[in-house]
């Protein structure tokens, strides 16, 4: 479900943090690779300069985490959206956060005074309405009422 920032544009600036402090670099290009990205920075011209950045952490702006219409979304795009149950059409709660159980993303739903985890999978997802700020899902009966033990 969740997207990846593999379309960072040349206007994006990232902050890298390493042993010698923070630096800001401009992204020249980026592409998906395995579970991450290969990023070319305008300021880094050769392999020797790139190798000096090993073990640096790279931080990107939240503004980069917005997917184009029709693409897979970034979870943060639906934070605070209302979860609507498809069969009843009723609002069930707000998406207040996210988790993962490894193979799938989970929506943290504020539901009747407690937090419930809902698998964010294609089998349940019916629609995401960005204008109404609603995520409509066809959930198995009783899923929201399962108590943690």
Foldseek 3Di string as FASTA:
>chain_A
DADALQAQDQAWWKWKQDPVGIDIWGWHHWHDDDPHIDTDTPVDDDPVSVVVRPPIDIGTDVVSQADDPPDHHHVVLLAQFFEAEPVVRDTFFGQHDWDDPPPFIWTFGCGPNDTATDTPDPQFWDDQDSVNSYTYTHDDPCRRVDDDD
